[in-house]
C-alpha atoms as a PDB file:
ATOM      1  CA  MET A   1     -17.641 -10.930  -3.290  1.00  0.00           C
ATOM      2  CA  THR A   2     -18.615 -11.246   0.188  1.00  0.00           C
ATOM      3  CA  ARG A   3     -16.066 -12.513   2.892  1.00  0.00           C
ATOM      4  CA  CYS A   4     -16.810 -12.480   6.775  1.00  0.00           C
ATOM      5  CA  LEU A   5     -13.414 -11.501   8.496  1.00  0.00           C
ATOM      6  CA  ASN A   6     -12.546 -11.130  12.294  1.00  0.00           C
ATOM      7  CA  VAL A   7      -9.501  -9.051  12.718  1.00  0.00           C
ATOM      8  CA  LEU A   8     -10.440  -7.224  15.579  1.00  0.00           C
ATOM      9  CA  PRO A   9     -10.751  -9.048  18.901  1.00  0.00           C
ATOM     10  CA  GLY A  10     -14.275  -9.490  19.444  1.00  0.00           C
ATOM     11  CA  ASN A  11     -15.713  -7.596  16.512  1.00  0.00           C
ATOM     12  CA  GLU A  12     -16.865  -9.493  12.989  1.00  0.00           C
ATOM     13  CA  TYR A  13     -17.325  -7.472   9.851  1.00  0.00           C
ATOM     14  CA  LEU A  14     -18.744  -8.586   6.478  1.00  0.00           C
ATOM     15  CA  ILE A  15     -17.053  -6.864   3.407  1.00  0.00           C
ATOM     16  CA  ASN A  16     -18.623  -6.880   0.139  1.00  0.00           C
ATOM     17  CA  LEU A  17     -15.764  -6.715  -2.556  1.00  0.00           C
ATOM     18  CA  ILE A  18     -16.937  -4.984  -5.817  1.00  0.00           C
ATOM     19  CA  ASP A  19     -14.425  -5.889  -8.594  1.00  0.00           C
ATOM     20  CA  SER A  20     -14.216  -3.016 -11.023  1.00  0.00           C
ATOM     21  CA  PRO A  21     -12.297  -3.337 -14.509  1.00  0.00           C
ATOM     22  CA  GLY A  22      -9.358  -1.286 -14.811  1.00  0.00           C
ATOM     23  CA  HIS A  23      -9.631  -0.967 -18.373  1.00  0.00           C
ATOM     24  CA  VAL A  24     -10.579   2.462 -20.068  1.00  0.00           C
ATOM     25  CA  ASP A  25     -13.603   1.404 -21.510  1.00  0.00           C
ATOM     26  CA  PHE A  26     -15.619   0.476 -18.233  1.00  0.00           C
ATOM     27  CA  SER A  27     -14.573   3.925 -16.736  1.00  0.00           C
ATOM     28  CA  SER A  28     -18.360   4.221 -15.885  1.00  0.00           C
ATOM     29  CA  GLU A  29     -18.734   1.082 -14.351  1.00  0.00           C
ATOM     30  CA  VAL A  30     -15.582   2.025 -11.950  1.00  0.00           C
ATOM     31  CA  SER A  31     -17.632   5.307 -11.383  1.00  0.00           C
ATOM     32  CA  THR A  32     -20.559   3.528 -10.096  1.00  0.00           C
ATOM     33  CA  ALA A  33     -18.828   1.061  -7.998  1.00  0.00           C
ATOM     34  CA  VAL A  34     -16.676   4.028  -5.904  1.00  0.00           C
ATOM     35  CA  ARG A  35     -20.107   5.950  -5.106  1.00  0.00           C
ATOM     36  CA  LEU A  36     -21.695   2.516  -3.810  1.00  0.00           C
ATOM     37  CA  CYS A  37     -18.567   1.871  -1.738  1.00  0.00           C
ATOM     38  CA  ASP A  38     -17.005   3.149   1.753  1.00  0.00           C
ATOM     39  CA  GLY A  39     -13.491   2.375   0.806  1.00  0.00           C
ATOM     40  CA  ALA A  40     -11.035   1.283  -2.370  1.00  0.00           C
ATOM     41  CA  LEU A  41      -8.336  -1.063  -2.936  1.00  0.00           C
ATOM     42  CA  VAL A  42      -6.203   0.533  -5.797  1.00  0.00           C
ATOM     43  CA  VAL A  43      -4.399  -2.379  -7.245  1.00  0.00           C
ATOM     44  CA  VAL A  44      -0.758  -1.006  -8.881  1.00  0.00           C
ATOM     45  CA  ASP A  45       1.390  -3.983 -10.953  1.00  0.00           C
ATOM     46  CA  VAL A  46       4.672  -3.209  -9.738  1.00  0.00           C
ATOM     47  CA  VAL A  47       6.206  -3.985 -12.819  1.00  0.00           C
ATOM     48  CA  ASP A  48       4.263  -1.612 -15.280  1.00  0.00           C
ATOM     49  CA  GLY A  49       3.636   0.584 -12.747  1.00  0.00           C
ATOM     50  CA  VAL A  50       1.691   3.907 -13.083  1.00  0.00           C
ATOM     51  CA  CYS A  51      -0.839   3.455 -15.947  1.00  0.00           C
ATOM     52  CA  PRO A  52      -3.159   6.416 -17.351  1.00  0.00           C
ATOM     53  CA  GLN A  53      -5.569   4.477 -15.895  1.00  0.00           C
ATOM     54  CA  THR A  54      -4.238   4.717 -12.463  1.00  0.00           C
ATOM     55  CA  HIS A  55      -5.072   8.679 -12.423  1.00  0.00           C
ATOM     56  CA  ALA A  56      -8.600   8.100 -13.580  1.00  0.00           C
ATOM     57  CA  VAL A  57      -9.469   5.920 -10.622  1.00  0.00           C
ATOM     58  CA  LEU A  58      -7.530   7.766  -8.097  1.00  0.00           C
ATOM     59  CA  ARG A  59      -9.200  10.807  -9.245  1.00  0.00           C
ATOM     60  CA  GLN A  60     -12.529   9.072  -9.317  1.00  0.00           C
ATOM     61  CA  ALA A  61     -11.917   7.945  -5.388  1.00  0.00           C
ATOM     62  CA  TRP A  62     -10.699  11.989  -4.985  1.00  0.00           C
ATOM     63  CA  LEU A  63     -14.055  13.193  -5.601  1.00  0.00           C
ATOM     64  CA  GLU A  64     -16.391  10.686  -4.137  1.00  0.00           C
ATOM     65  CA  HIS A  65     -14.177  11.533  -0.959  1.00  0.00           C
ATOM     66  CA  ILE A  66     -13.074   7.987  -0.108  1.00  0.00           C
ATOM     67  CA  ARG A  67      -9.771   6.932   1.518  1.00  0.00           C
ATOM     68  CA  PRO A  68      -8.461   4.481  -0.863  1.00  0.00           C
ATOM     69  CA  CYS A  69      -5.889   1.810   0.415  1.00  0.00           C
ATOM     70  CA  LEU A  70      -3.166   0.814  -2.431  1.00  0.00           C
ATOM     71  CA  VAL A  71      -1.876  -2.776  -3.316  1.00  0.00           C
ATOM     72  CA  LEU A  72       1.323  -3.277  -4.944  1.00  0.00           C
ATOM     73  CA  ASN A  73       0.740  -6.741  -6.856  1.00  0.00           C
ATOM     74  CA  LYS A  74       3.125  -9.002  -8.411  1.00  0.00           C
ATOM     75  CA  ILE A  75       6.296  -8.616  -6.306  1.00  0.00           C
ATOM     76  CA  ASP A  76       7.205 -11.989  -7.300  1.00  0.00           C
ATOM     77  CA  ARG A  77       7.810 -10.601 -10.893  1.00  0.00           C
ATOM     78  CA  LEU A  78      10.485  -8.572  -9.462  1.00  0.00           C
ATOM     79  CA  ILE A  79      12.118 -11.846  -8.110  1.00  0.00           C
ATOM     80  CA  LEU A  80      11.506 -14.213 -10.814  1.00  0.00           C
ATOM     81  CA  GLU A  81      11.072 -12.132 -14.238  1.00  0.00           C
ATOM     82  CA  LEU A  82      13.141  -9.284 -13.760  1.00  0.00           C
ATOM     83  CA  LYS A  83      15.841 -10.723 -11.376  1.00  0.00           C
ATOM     84  CA  LEU A  84      16.460  -7.802  -9.221  1.00  0.00           C
ATOM     85  CA  THR A  85      18.266  -7.947  -5.962  1.00  0.00           C
ATOM     86  CA  PRO A  86      16.010  -7.053  -2.802  1.00  0.00           C
ATOM     87  CA  GLY A  87      17.989  -3.269  -2.611  1.00  0.00           C
ATOM     88  CA  GLU A  88      16.776  -2.835  -5.899  1.00  0.00           C
ATOM     89  CA  ALA A  89      13.502  -4.072  -5.838  1.00  0.00           C
ATOM     90  CA  CYS A  90      13.199  -1.574  -2.697  1.00  0.00           C
ATOM     91  CA  ASP A  91      14.696   1.153  -4.918  1.00  0.00           C
ATOM     92  CA  HIS A  92      11.704   0.514  -7.186  1.00  0.00           C
ATOM     93  CA  LEU A  93       9.189   0.050  -4.981  1.00  0.00           C
ATOM     94  CA  MET A  94       9.872   3.550  -3.524  1.00  0.00           C
ATOM     95  CA  LYS A  95       9.734   5.056  -7.114  1.00  0.00           C
ATOM     96  CA  ILE A  96       6.368   3.484  -7.786  1.00  0.00           C
ATOM     97  CA  LEU A  97       4.973   4.740  -4.216  1.00  0.00           C
ATOM     98  CA  GLU A  98       6.398   8.062  -5.356  1.00  0.00           C
ATOM     99  CA  GLN A  99       4.453   8.057  -8.792  1.00  0.00           C
ATOM    100  CA  VAL A 100       1.513   7.348  -7.003  1.00  0.00           C
ATOM    101  CA  ASN A 101       1.649   9.934  -4.241  1.00  0.00           C
ATOM    102  CA  ALA A 102       2.666  12.501  -7.120  1.00  0.00           C
ATOM    103  CA  ILE A 103      -1.285  11.904  -8.127  1.00  0.00           C
ATOM    104  CA  THR A 104      -2.467  12.267  -5.153  1.00  0.00           C
ATOM    105  CA  GLY A 105      -0.535  15.554  -4.409  1.00  0.00           C
ATOM    106  CA  THR A 106      -1.835  17.144  -7.648  1.00  0.00           C
ATOM    107  CA  LEU A 107      -5.135  16.272  -7.026  1.00  0.00           C
ATOM    108  CA  PHE A 108      -4.760  17.976  -3.476  1.00  0.00           C
ATOM    109  CA  SER A 109      -3.439  21.005  -4.774  1.00  0.00           C
ATOM    110  CA  SER A 110      -6.072  21.483  -7.502  1.00  0.00           C
ATOM    111  CA  THR A 111      -8.899  21.445  -4.866  1.00  0.00           C
ATOM    112  CA  VAL A 112      -7.201  24.023  -2.738  1.00  0.00           C
ATOM    113  CA  MET A 113      -6.659  25.994  -5.740  1.00  0.00           C
ATOM    114  CA  GLU A 114      -9.920  25.997  -6.877  1.00  0.00           C
ATOM    115  CA  ALA A 115     -11.343  26.608  -3.339  1.00  0.00           C
ATOM    116  CA  ALA A 116      -8.490  29.834  -3.430  1.00  0.00           C
ATOM    117  CA  SER A 117     -10.023  30.777  -6.730  1.00  0.00           C
ATOM    118  CA  LYS A 118     -13.588  30.738  -5.574  1.00  0.00           C
ATOM    119  CA  LYS A 119     -12.914  32.773  -1.904  1.00  0.00           C
ATOM    120  CA  VAL A 120     -11.092  35.346  -4.461  1.00  0.00           C
ATOM    121  CA  ASN A 121     -13.927  35.602  -6.886  1.00  0.00           C
ATOM    122  CA  GLU A 122     -16.400  35.805  -4.063  1.00  0.00           C
ATOM    123  CA  THR A 123     -14.611  38.534  -2.196  1.00  0.00           C
ATOM    124  CA  LEU A 124     -14.372  40.514  -5.570  1.00  0.00           C
ATOM    125  CA  GLN A 125     -17.852  40.331  -6.214  1.00  0.00           C
ATOM    126  CA  GLN A 126     -18.583  41.470  -2.529  1.00  0.00           C
ATOM    127  CA  GLN A 127     -16.219  44.403  -2.939  1.00  0.00           C
ATOM    128  CA  GLU A 128     -17.632  45.469  -6.500  1.00  0.00           C
ATOM    129  CA  LEU A 129     -14.321  46.089  -7.616  1.00  0.00           C
ATOM    130  CA  GLU A 130     -14.048  47.692 -11.211  1.00  0.00           C
ATOM    131  CA  THR A 131     -12.993  45.479 -14.120  1.00  0.00           C
ATOM    132  CA  SER A 132      -9.469  47.956 -14.280  1.00  0.00           C
ATOM    133  CA  CYS A 133      -8.519  47.675 -10.540  1.00  0.00           C
ATOM    134  CA  ALA A 134      -9.308  43.957 -10.845  1.00  0.00           C
ATOM    135  CA  THR A 135      -7.017  43.724 -13.430  1.00  0.00           C
ATOM    136  CA  ASP A 136      -4.064  45.358 -11.686  1.00  0.00           C
ATOM    137  CA  GLN A 137      -4.524  43.448  -8.671  1.00  0.00           C
ATOM    138  CA  VAL A 138      -2.449  40.243  -8.376  1.00  0.00           C
ATOM    139  CA  TYR A 139      -3.337  37.283  -6.258  1.00  0.00           C
ATOM    140  CA  ASP A 140      -1.600  34.342  -5.117  1.00  0.00           C
ATOM    141  CA  TRP A 141      -3.970  31.250  -5.898  1.00  0.00           C
ATOM    142  CA  SER A 142      -1.729  28.964  -3.985  1.00  0.00           C
ATOM    143  CA  ALA A 143      -1.970  30.523  -0.648  1.00  0.00           C
ATOM    144  CA  GLY A 144      -4.059  27.992   0.646  1.00  0.00           C
ATOM    145  CA  LEU A 145      -1.713  25.364   0.024  1.00  0.00           C
ATOM    146  CA  ASP A 146       0.552  26.097   3.136  1.00  0.00           C
ATOM    147  CA  LYS A 147      -2.449  26.190   5.183  1.00  0.00           C
ATOM    148  CA  GLU A 148      -3.916  22.609   4.321  1.00  0.00           C
ATOM    149  CA  ASP A 149      -2.671  19.507   6.106  1.00  0.00           C
ATOM    150  CA  ASP A 150      -2.226  16.958   3.458  1.00  0.00           C
ATOM    151  CA  SER A 151       0.166  14.316   5.135  1.00  0.00           C
ATOM    152  CA  ALA A 152      -2.564  12.270   5.889  1.00  0.00           C
ATOM    153  CA  LEU A 153      -3.839  12.034   2.291  1.00  0.00           C
ATOM    154  CA  TYR A 154      -0.502  10.106   0.946  1.00  0.00           C
ATOM    155  CA  PHE A 155       0.070   6.515   0.608  1.00  0.00           C
ATOM    156  CA  SER A 156       2.731   5.378   2.998  1.00  0.00           C
ATOM    157  CA  PRO A 157       3.581   1.676   4.354  1.00  0.00           C
ATOM    158  CA  ASN A 158       4.286   3.483   7.625  1.00  0.00           C
ATOM    159  CA  GLN A 159       0.484   4.869   7.892  1.00  0.00           C
ATOM    160  CA  GLY A 160      -0.807   1.351   7.256  1.00  0.00           C
ATOM    161  CA  ASN A 161      -2.585   2.139   3.750  1.00  0.00           C
ATOM    162  CA  VAL A 162      -0.161   0.215   1.638  1.00  0.00           C
ATOM    163  CA  VAL A 163       0.099  -3.883   1.054  1.00  0.00           C
ATOM    164  CA  PHE A 164       2.907  -4.917  -1.050  1.00  0.00           C
ATOM    165  CA  ALA A 165       1.704  -8.476  -2.309  1.00  0.00           C
ATOM    166  CA  SER A 166       1.801 -11.277  -4.981  1.00  0.00           C
ATOM    167  CA  ALA A 167      -1.858 -12.490  -5.252  1.00  0.00           C
ATOM    168  CA  ILE A 168      -0.922 -15.201  -7.830  1.00  0.00           C
ATOM    169  CA  ASP A 169       0.880 -16.701  -4.955  1.00  0.00           C
ATOM    170  CA  GLY A 170      -1.433 -15.646  -2.269  1.00  0.00           C
ATOM    171  CA  TRP A 171       0.649 -13.539   0.047  1.00  0.00           C
ATOM    172  CA  GLY A 172       0.630 -10.039   0.825  1.00  0.00           C
ATOM    173  CA  PHE A 173       1.560  -8.007   4.157  1.00  0.00           C
ATOM    174  CA  GLY A 174       1.724  -4.763   5.396  1.00  0.00           C
ATOM    175  CA  ILE A 175       4.742  -2.922   7.577  1.00  0.00           C
ATOM    176  CA  ASN A 176       2.717  -4.050  10.988  1.00  0.00           C
ATOM    177  CA  ASP A 177       3.102  -7.608  10.527  1.00  0.00           C
ATOM    178  CA  PHE A 178       6.770  -7.408  10.391  1.00  0.00           C
ATOM    179  CA  ALA A 179       6.557  -4.890  13.029  1.00  0.00           C
ATOM    180  CA  VAL A 180       5.057  -7.423  15.477  1.00  0.00           C
ATOM    181  CA  LEU A 181       7.063 -10.348  14.607  1.00  0.00           C
ATOM    182  CA  TYR A 182      10.729  -8.451  14.966  1.00  0.00           C
ATOM    183  CA  SER A 183       9.314  -6.385  17.878  1.00  0.00           C
ATOM    184  CA  LYS A 184       9.190  -9.754  19.801  1.00  0.00           C
ATOM    185  CA  LYS A 185      12.824 -11.007  18.162  1.00  0.00           C
ATOM    186  CA  LEU A 186      14.435  -7.931  18.398  1.00  0.00           C
ATOM    187  CA  GLY A 187      12.801  -6.444  21.875  1.00  0.00           C
ATOM    188  CA  ILE A 188      12.321  -3.268  20.123  1.00  0.00           C
ATOM    189  CA  ASN A 189       8.900  -1.738  20.412  1.00  0.00           C
ATOM    190  CA  ALA A 190       6.343  -2.343  17.629  1.00  0.00           C
ATOM    191  CA  ASP A 191       5.858   1.437  17.150  1.00  0.00           C
ATOM    192  CA  ILE A 192       9.012   2.306  16.463  1.00  0.00           C
ATOM    193  CA  LEU A 193       9.488  -0.370  14.225  1.00  0.00           C
ATOM    194  CA  ARG A 194       6.489   0.701  12.321  1.00  0.00           C
ATOM    195  CA  THR A 195       7.644   4.149  11.709  1.00  0.00           C
ATOM    196  CA  THR A 196      11.403   2.746  10.548  1.00  0.00           C
ATOM    197  CA  LEU A 197      10.880  -0.447   8.843  1.00  0.00           C
ATOM    198  CA  TRP A 198      10.414   1.688   5.875  1.00  0.00           C
ATOM    199  CA  GLY A 199      12.571   4.647   4.915  1.00  0.00           C
ATOM    200  CA  ASP A 200      16.337   5.445   5.286  1.00  0.00           C
ATOM    201  CA  TYR A 201      16.798   3.703   8.526  1.00  0.00           C
ATOM    202  CA  TYR A 202      19.185   0.652   9.465  1.00  0.00           C
ATOM    203  CA  LEU A 203      20.228  -0.987  12.900  1.00  0.00           C
ATOM    204  CA  HIS A 204      23.035  -1.265  14.769  1.00  0.00           C
ATOM    205  CA  SER A 205      23.677  -4.762  15.248  1.00  0.00           C
ATOM    206  CA  LYS A 206      25.781  -4.035  18.167  1.00  0.00           C
ATOM    207  CA  SER A 207      23.940  -1.583  20.214  1.00  0.00           C
ATOM    208  CA  LYS A 208      20.456  -2.642  18.653  1.00  0.00           C
ATOM    209  CA  ARG A 209      19.507   0.837  18.029  1.00  0.00           C
ATOM    210  CA  ILE A 210      17.675   2.102  14.900  1.00  0.00           C
ATOM    211  CA  PHE A 211      19.637   5.452  13.020  1.00  0.00           C
ATOM    212  CA  ARG A 212      18.432   7.547  10.381  1.00  0.00           C
ATOM    213  CA  GLY A 213      20.891   7.568   6.954  1.00  0.00           C
ATOM    214  CA  ALA A 214      21.482   4.078   5.411  1.00  0.00           C
ATOM    215  CA  GLN A 215      21.865   5.385   2.116  1.00  0.00           C
ATOM    216  CA  ALA A 216      24.392   7.800   3.343  1.00  0.00           C
ATOM    217  CA  LYS A 217      26.169   5.407   5.392  1.00  0.00           C
ATOM    218  CA  GLY A 218      26.094   2.344   2.809  1.00  0.00           C
ATOM    219  CA  LYS A 219      23.976   0.418   5.278  1.00  0.00           C
ATOM    220  CA  LYS A 220      21.054  -1.991   4.288  1.00  0.00           C
ATOM    221  CA  PRO A 221      17.626  -0.583   5.135  1.00  0.00           C
ATOM    222  CA  LEU A 222      15.495  -2.004   7.612  1.00  0.00           C
ATOM    223  CA  PHE A 223      12.807  -2.999   4.637  1.00  0.00           C
ATOM    224  CA  VAL A 224      15.588  -4.820   2.747  1.00  0.00           C
ATOM    225  CA  GLN A 225      17.156  -6.710   5.858  1.00  0.00           C
ATOM    226  CA  PHE A 226      14.232  -7.664   7.499  1.00  0.00           C
ATOM    227  CA  VAL A 227      11.426  -8.125   4.827  1.00  0.00           C
ATOM    228  CA  LEU A 228      12.519  -8.258   1.072  1.00  0.00           C
ATOM    229  CA  GLU A 229      15.748 -10.613   2.308  1.00  0.00           C
ATOM    230  CA  ASN A 230      13.990 -13.090   4.051  1.00  0.00           C
ATOM    231  CA  LEU A 231      11.228 -13.126   1.100  1.00  0.00           C
ATOM    232  CA  TRP A 232      13.608 -13.480  -1.549  1.00  0.00           C
ATOM    233  CA  ALA A 233      15.197 -16.582   0.562  1.00  0.00           C
ATOM    234  CA  VAL A 234      12.053 -18.444   0.559  1.00  0.00           C
ATOM    235  CA  TYR A 235      11.662 -17.789  -3.186  1.00  0.00           C
ATOM    236  CA  ASP A 236      15.092 -18.737  -3.949  1.00  0.00           C
ATOM    237  CA  ALA A 237      14.643 -21.941  -1.729  1.00  0.00           C
ATOM    238  CA  VAL A 238      12.067 -23.303  -3.107  1.00  0.00           C
ATOM    239  CA  MET A 239      12.602 -22.249  -6.987  1.00  0.00           C
ATOM    240  CA  THR A 240      16.069 -24.007  -6.896  1.00  0.00           C
ATOM    241  CA  ARG A 241      14.800 -27.112  -5.035  1.00  0.00           C
ATOM    242  CA  ASN A 242      16.689 -26.531  -2.024  1.00  0.00           C
ATOM    243  CA  GLN A 243      14.616 -29.482  -0.117  1.00  0.00           C
ATOM    244  CA  GLU A 244      17.068 -28.938   3.066  1.00  0.00           C
ATOM    245  CA  LEU A 245      16.478 -25.164   3.111  1.00  0.00           C
ATOM    246  CA  VAL A 246      13.141 -25.636   2.443  1.00  0.00           C
ATOM    247  CA  ASP A 247      12.298 -27.974   5.261  1.00  0.00           C
ATOM    248  CA  LYS A 248      14.591 -25.202   7.973  1.00  0.00           C
ATOM    249  CA  ILE A 249      11.934 -22.600   6.587  1.00  0.00           C
ATOM    250  CA  VAL A 250       8.828 -24.593   7.119  1.00  0.00           C
ATOM    251  CA  ASN A 251       9.982 -25.895  10.261  1.00  0.00           C
ATOM    252  CA  ALA A 252      10.971 -22.131  11.603  1.00  0.00           C
ATOM    253  CA  MET A 253       7.573 -20.691  10.597  1.00  0.00           C
ATOM    254  CA  ASN A 254       5.542 -23.724  12.057  1.00  0.00           C
ATOM    255  CA  ILE A 255       4.027 -24.390   8.451  1.00  0.00           C
ATOM    256  CA  LYS A 256       2.293 -27.267   7.927  1.00  0.00           C
ATOM    257  CA  MET A 257       2.350 -28.370   4.479  1.00  0.00           C
ATOM    258  CA  SER A 258      -0.409 -30.693   3.394  1.00  0.00           C
ATOM    259  CA  PRO A 259       0.822 -34.370   1.931  1.00  0.00           C
ATOM    260  CA  ARG A 260      -0.635 -33.298  -1.678  1.00  0.00           C
ATOM    261  CA  ASP A 261       1.631 -30.006  -1.692  1.00  0.00           C
ATOM    262  CA  ALA A 262       4.596 -31.521  -0.308  1.00  0.00           C
ATOM    263  CA  ARG A 263       4.591 -34.385  -3.025  1.00  0.00           C
ATOM    264  CA  GLN A 264       4.491 -31.674  -5.760  1.00  0.00           C
ATOM    265  CA  THR A 265       7.289 -31.476  -8.217  1.00  0.00           C
ATOM    266  CA  ASP A 266       5.836 -27.867  -9.688  1.00  0.00           C
ATOM    267  CA  PRO A 267       8.185 -25.232  -7.123  1.00  0.00           C
ATOM    268  CA  ARG A 268       5.830 -22.612  -7.895  1.00  0.00           C
ATOM    269  CA  VAL A 269       2.484 -25.007  -6.018  1.00  0.00           C
ATOM    270  CA  ARG A 270       4.838 -25.533  -3.243  1.00  0.00           C
ATOM    271  CA  LEU A 271       5.587 -21.421  -3.032  1.00  0.00           C
ATOM    272  CA  GLN A 272       2.143 -21.017  -3.206  1.00  0.00           C
ATOM    273  CA  SER A 273       1.594 -23.222  -0.306  1.00  0.00           C
ATOM    274  CA  ILE A 274       4.245 -21.493   1.846  1.00  0.00           C
ATOM    275  CA  CYS A 275       3.639 -18.309   1.375  1.00  0.00           C
ATOM    276  CA  SER A 276      -0.193 -18.431   1.559  1.00  0.00           C
ATOM    277  CA  GLN A 277       0.344 -19.715   5.434  1.00  0.00           C
ATOM    278  CA  TRP A 278       3.032 -17.224   6.613  1.00  0.00           C
ATOM    279  CA  LEU A 279       1.478 -14.330   4.863  1.00  0.00           C
ATOM    280  CA  PRO A 280      -1.890 -14.712   4.354  1.00  0.00           C
ATOM    281  CA  LEU A 281      -3.001 -12.260   1.488  1.00  0.00           C
ATOM    282  CA  ALA A 282      -6.430 -12.003   2.444  1.00  0.00           C
ATOM    283  CA  GLN A 283      -6.239 -10.838   5.930  1.00  0.00           C
ATOM    284  CA  SER A 284      -3.621  -8.454   5.222  1.00  0.00           C
ATOM    285  CA  VAL A 285      -5.722  -6.884   2.480  1.00  0.00           C
ATOM    286  CA  LEU A 286      -8.810  -6.603   4.562  1.00  0.00           C
ATOM    287  CA  GLY A 287      -7.468  -5.700   7.643  1.00  0.00           C
ATOM    288  CA  ILE A 288      -5.912  -2.690   6.726  1.00  0.00           C
ATOM    289  CA  LEU A 289      -9.629  -1.940   4.968  1.00  0.00           C
ATOM    290  CA  LEU A 290     -11.085  -2.023   8.417  1.00  0.00           C
ATOM    291  CA  ILE A 291      -8.154   0.043   9.991  1.00  0.00           C
ATOM    292  CA  GLN A 292      -8.304   2.610   7.582  1.00  0.00           C
ATOM    293  CA  LEU A 293     -11.913   2.870   7.319  1.00  0.00           C
ATOM    294  CA  LYS A 294     -12.125   4.334  11.203  1.00  0.00           C
ATOM    295  CA  SER A 295     -15.656   5.953  10.450  1.00  0.00           C
ATOM    296  CA  SER A 296     -17.345   3.120   9.239  1.00  0.00           C
ATOM    297  CA  GLN A 297     -16.241   0.412  11.956  1.00  0.00           C
ATOM    298  CA  SER A 298     -19.079   0.862  13.822  1.00  0.00           C
ATOM    299  CA  LEU A 299     -20.853  -1.006  10.657  1.00  0.00           C
ATOM    300  CA  CYS A 300     -20.946  -4.588  10.257  1.00  0.00           C
ATOM    301  CA  VAL A 301     -20.963  -4.462   6.845  1.00  0.00           C
ATOM    302  CA  LEU A 302     -18.575  -2.433   4.909  1.00  0.00           C
ATOM    303  CA  ASP A 303     -18.692  -2.017   1.112  1.00  0.00           C
ATOM    304  CA  CYS A 304     -15.458  -1.275  -0.851  1.00  0.00           C
ATOM    305  CA  ALA A 305     -14.624  -1.185  -4.469  1.00  0.00           C
ATOM    306  CA  LEU A 306     -11.380  -3.330  -6.100  1.00  0.00           C
ATOM    307  CA  MET A 307     -10.002  -1.191  -9.101  1.00  0.00           C
ATOM    308  CA  SER A 308      -7.187  -2.892 -10.935  1.00  0.00           C
ATOM    309  CA  PRO A 309      -5.785  -0.061 -13.140  1.00  0.00           C
END
């Protein structure tokens, strides 16, 4: 799959996507695809969560020293099937993100400890210690963990390496999309919103200031208030066939529905038409690739593996 994308002003990129199967029987294909690529998209079903194959694809990306981006897909199922509230969905997404990051943390720890073990063994050989002395000596194999900075290795919406999506409905977004939008509406610096839209932060409506501690104070996190509640409202209006509210949403978003989509009796088709224009999936997913693959931005052609565990 090849797509030409113009995200950064004055720059055009050709992105080659290799869709590698997520089934365990095709592990060799995934491994081959990763070796050919500059980056990777790891797609996780938010209902099924982290699966054994998720460990495998993240490990393969780690061994090949490429920086993967995470796509949390099928969020529509949280709305239509599981019937979660925006708050419950936020908690669910945070748990999945923690599970994925736990895998990355394990890979990082193993690498550091292996390097530390190798260093100790080399030291022992150089000193030519006797076997008895080596047996009595105690070494701290985890000493290297405190010295290594692993903050940039983890997936976090604040770092711009996570996309929330529904491929079947054609929409996807990153934190930056809503940070830019609400920066204009609320008059708050976009960089501040990029940092606080995900996490335990809430907006004080009177002072229009953002504070930490939403959970302790019983406040709605910014991600719930400004992102998920709007998304849930769109789904509710369309799926319940509330035409008056749908018209208001379409006008507020400056969305142009084709006459064919407007005549559709299937609410899912109308939902896809609205959401795909409001939050274009291709632009969000491919946009984070360009931002994350900074070392490859000087190239006109980028190759990326699409891994669906």
